[in-house]
Amino acid sequence: MDSFTLELTPAQLKITHAALRSMLDDFGHEEREVTRLLRDTLARFPDAETLAAIDLSAELSRRRPAA
């Protein structure tokens, strides 16, 4: 099995996790393999407390060029 490394900023990590959770919520019982893959992928993310501590506003303001 091939493996890939994807480096994400904290903001990207939080957004990606939220997108995958949303995707998981949208799938029904008939897509068992997709649901399993989503659950396996989400299990690799940091715990909920760590993700909740990521301040998207602060992360985004760091990325904005100074005016």
N, C-alpha and C. Protein backbone atom coordinates (compact mmCIF):
# COMPACT_ATOMS: atom_id res chain seq x y z
N MET A 1 0.84 -1.18 0.00
CA MET A 1 0.00 0.00 0.00
C MET A 1 0.89 1.25 0.00
N ASP A 2 0.58 2.17 -0.90
CA ASP A 2 1.32 3.42 -0.95
C ASP A 2 0.91 4.32 0.20
N SER A 3 1.85 5.15 0.62
CA SER A 3 1.58 6.09 1.70
C SER A 3 2.05 7.46 1.26
N PHE A 4 1.31 8.48 1.66
CA PHE A 4 1.65 9.85 1.30
C PHE A 4 1.69 10.71 2.54
N THR A 5 2.53 11.71 2.52
CA THR A 5 2.61 12.68 3.60
C THR A 5 2.07 14.00 3.07
N LEU A 6 1.19 14.59 3.83
CA LEU A 6 0.59 15.86 3.45
C LEU A 6 0.79 16.83 4.61
N GLU A 7 1.55 17.87 4.37
CA GLU A 7 1.79 18.86 5.41
C GLU A 7 0.74 19.96 5.32
N LEU A 8 0.07 20.20 6.44
CA LEU A 8 -0.99 21.21 6.49
C LEU A 8 -0.69 22.21 7.60
N THR A 9 -1.11 23.45 7.37
CA THR A 9 -1.06 24.43 8.45
C THR A 9 -2.15 24.06 9.45
N PRO A 10 -2.11 24.60 10.66
CA PRO A 10 -3.19 24.31 11.61
C PRO A 10 -4.57 24.65 11.05
N ALA A 11 -4.69 25.79 10.36
CA ALA A 11 -5.98 26.17 9.77
C ALA A 11 -6.42 25.16 8.71
N GLN A 12 -5.51 24.74 7.86
CA GLN A 12 -5.84 23.75 6.84
C GLN A 12 -6.25 22.42 7.47
N LEU A 13 -5.57 22.04 8.54
CA LEU A 13 -5.90 20.81 9.25
C LEU A 13 -7.33 20.86 9.79
N LYS A 14 -7.68 21.98 10.43
CA LYS A 14 -9.01 22.12 11.00
C LYS A 14 -10.08 22.11 9.92
N ILE A 15 -9.85 22.81 8.82
CA ILE A 15 -10.81 22.86 7.72
C ILE A 15 -10.95 21.49 7.06
N THR A 16 -9.86 20.80 6.87
CA THR A 16 -9.90 19.47 6.26
C THR A 16 -10.67 18.50 7.14
N HIS A 17 -10.44 18.55 8.44
CA HIS A 17 -11.17 17.69 9.37
C HIS A 17 -12.66 17.98 9.30
N ALA A 18 -13.03 19.25 9.31
CA ALA A 18 -14.45 19.63 9.25
C ALA A 18 -15.08 19.16 7.94
N ALA A 19 -14.34 19.27 6.84
CA ALA A 19 -14.87 18.83 5.54
C ALA A 19 -15.09 17.31 5.52
N LEU A 20 -14.14 16.57 6.06
CA LEU A 20 -14.28 15.12 6.09
C LEU A 20 -15.43 14.69 7.01
N ARG A 21 -15.60 15.36 8.15
CA ARG A 21 -16.72 15.06 9.05
C ARG A 21 -18.05 15.33 8.34
N SER A 22 -18.11 16.44 7.63
CA SER A 22 -19.32 16.79 6.89
C SER A 22 -19.61 15.74 5.81
N MET A 23 -18.57 15.33 5.13
CA MET A 23 -18.72 14.30 4.10
C MET A 23 -19.22 12.99 4.72
N LEU A 24 -18.68 12.62 5.86
CA LEU A 24 -19.11 11.41 6.55
C LEU A 24 -20.58 11.49 6.92
N ASP A 25 -21.01 12.65 7.39
CA ASP A 25 -22.41 12.84 7.78
C ASP A 25 -23.37 12.73 6.60
N ASP A 26 -22.87 13.01 5.39
CA ASP A 26 -23.72 12.99 4.19
C ASP A 26 -23.89 11.60 3.59
N PHE A 27 -23.03 10.65 3.93
CA PHE A 27 -23.11 9.33 3.33
C PHE A 27 -24.09 8.45 4.10
N GLY A 28 -24.83 7.65 3.34
CA GLY A 28 -25.79 6.74 3.95
C GLY A 28 -25.17 5.38 4.18
N HIS A 29 -26.00 4.46 4.58
CA HIS A 29 -25.54 3.11 4.90
C HIS A 29 -25.09 2.33 3.68
N GLU A 30 -25.57 2.69 2.51
CA GLU A 30 -25.21 1.93 1.31
C GLU A 30 -23.77 2.18 0.85
N GLU A 31 -23.14 3.22 1.33
CA GLU A 31 -21.75 3.53 0.96
C GLU A 31 -20.80 3.09 2.08
N ARG A 32 -20.88 1.83 2.47
CA ARG A 32 -20.09 1.34 3.62
C ARG A 32 -18.60 1.51 3.44
N GLU A 33 -18.10 1.24 2.25
CA GLU A 33 -16.64 1.34 2.03
C GLU A 33 -16.17 2.79 2.14
N VAL A 34 -16.95 3.72 1.60
CA VAL A 34 -16.58 5.13 1.70
C VAL A 34 -16.65 5.58 3.15
N THR A 35 -17.70 5.17 3.85
CA THR A 35 -17.84 5.50 5.26
C THR A 35 -16.67 4.96 6.06
N ARG A 36 -16.28 3.72 5.80
CA ARG A 36 -15.15 3.12 6.51
C ARG A 36 -13.87 3.90 6.24
N LEU A 37 -13.65 4.25 4.99
CA LEU A 37 -12.45 5.00 4.61
C LEU A 37 -12.43 6.38 5.29
N LEU A 38 -13.57 7.04 5.33
CA LEU A 38 -13.65 8.33 6.00
C LEU A 38 -13.35 8.19 7.49
N ARG A 39 -13.92 7.17 8.13
CA ARG A 39 -13.66 6.95 9.57
C ARG A 39 -12.18 6.64 9.82
N ASP A 40 -11.60 5.82 8.97
CA ASP A 40 -10.18 5.49 9.11
C ASP A 40 -9.31 6.74 8.95
N THR A 41 -9.68 7.59 8.01
CA THR A 41 -8.92 8.82 7.77
C THR A 41 -9.07 9.78 8.95
N LEU A 42 -10.30 9.95 9.42
CA LEU A 42 -10.54 10.85 10.55
C LEU A 42 -9.83 10.38 11.82
N ALA A 43 -9.66 9.10 11.97
CA ALA A 43 -8.97 8.56 13.14
C ALA A 43 -7.50 8.97 13.18
N ARG A 44 -6.96 9.39 12.08
CA ARG A 44 -5.56 9.80 12.02
C ARG A 44 -5.34 11.25 12.44
N PHE A 45 -6.42 12.00 12.59
CA PHE A 45 -6.33 13.41 12.97
C PHE A 45 -6.08 13.53 14.47
N PRO A 46 -5.59 14.70 14.90
CA PRO A 46 -5.44 14.94 16.34
C PRO A 46 -6.80 14.86 17.02
N ASP A 47 -6.79 14.76 18.35
CA ASP A 47 -8.04 14.65 19.09
C ASP A 47 -8.87 15.94 18.98
N ALA A 48 -10.14 15.84 19.35
CA ALA A 48 -11.08 16.95 19.22
C ALA A 48 -10.63 18.19 20.00
N GLU A 49 -10.04 17.98 21.16
CA GLU A 49 -9.57 19.10 21.98
C GLU A 49 -8.47 19.89 21.26
N THR A 50 -7.56 19.18 20.63
CA THR A 50 -6.48 19.83 19.88
C THR A 50 -7.04 20.62 18.70
N LEU A 51 -7.96 20.01 17.98
CA LEU A 51 -8.56 20.69 16.83
C LEU A 51 -9.37 21.91 17.27
N ALA A 52 -10.09 21.79 18.38
CA ALA A 52 -10.89 22.91 18.88
C ALA A 52 -10.01 24.09 19.30
N ALA A 53 -8.79 23.80 19.70
CA ALA A 53 -7.88 24.86 20.15
C ALA A 53 -7.31 25.67 18.99
N ILE A 54 -7.47 25.20 17.79
CA ILE A 54 -6.95 25.94 16.63
C ILE A 54 -7.88 27.12 16.37
N ASP A 55 -7.33 28.31 16.45
CA ASP A 55 -8.09 29.55 16.24
C ASP A 55 -7.96 29.95 14.77
N LEU A 56 -9.03 29.69 14.01
CA LEU A 56 -8.97 29.99 12.57
C LEU A 56 -8.75 31.47 12.31
N SER A 57 -9.37 32.33 13.08
CA SER A 57 -9.20 33.78 12.87
C SER A 57 -7.74 34.18 13.03
N ALA A 58 -7.10 33.67 14.07
CA ALA A 58 -5.69 33.99 14.31
C ALA A 58 -4.82 33.43 13.20
N GLU A 59 -5.11 32.20 12.78
CA GLU A 59 -4.33 31.58 11.71
C GLU A 59 -4.47 32.36 10.42
N LEU A 60 -5.68 32.76 10.10
CA LEU A 60 -5.92 33.50 8.85
C LEU A 60 -5.30 34.89 8.89
N SER A 61 -5.34 35.55 10.06
CA SER A 61 -4.75 36.89 10.15
C SER A 61 -3.24 36.84 10.00
N ARG A 62 -2.60 35.75 10.38
CA ARG A 62 -1.15 35.60 10.19
C ARG A 62 -0.79 35.50 8.71
N ARG A 63 -1.72 34.99 7.93
CA ARG A 63 -1.46 34.78 6.50
C ARG A 63 -1.70 36.03 5.67
N ARG A 64 -2.45 36.99 6.21
CA ARG A 64 -2.77 38.22 5.47
C ARG A 64 -1.54 39.12 5.44
N PRO A 65 -1.28 39.70 4.27
CA PRO A 65 -0.16 40.66 4.21
C PRO A 65 -0.51 41.93 5.00
N ALA A 66 0.50 42.50 5.61
CA ALA A 66 0.29 43.74 6.38
C ALA A 66 -0.11 44.85 5.44
N ALA A 67 -1.07 45.65 5.86
CA ALA A 67 -1.56 46.76 5.02
C ALA A 67 -0.80 48.02 5.27
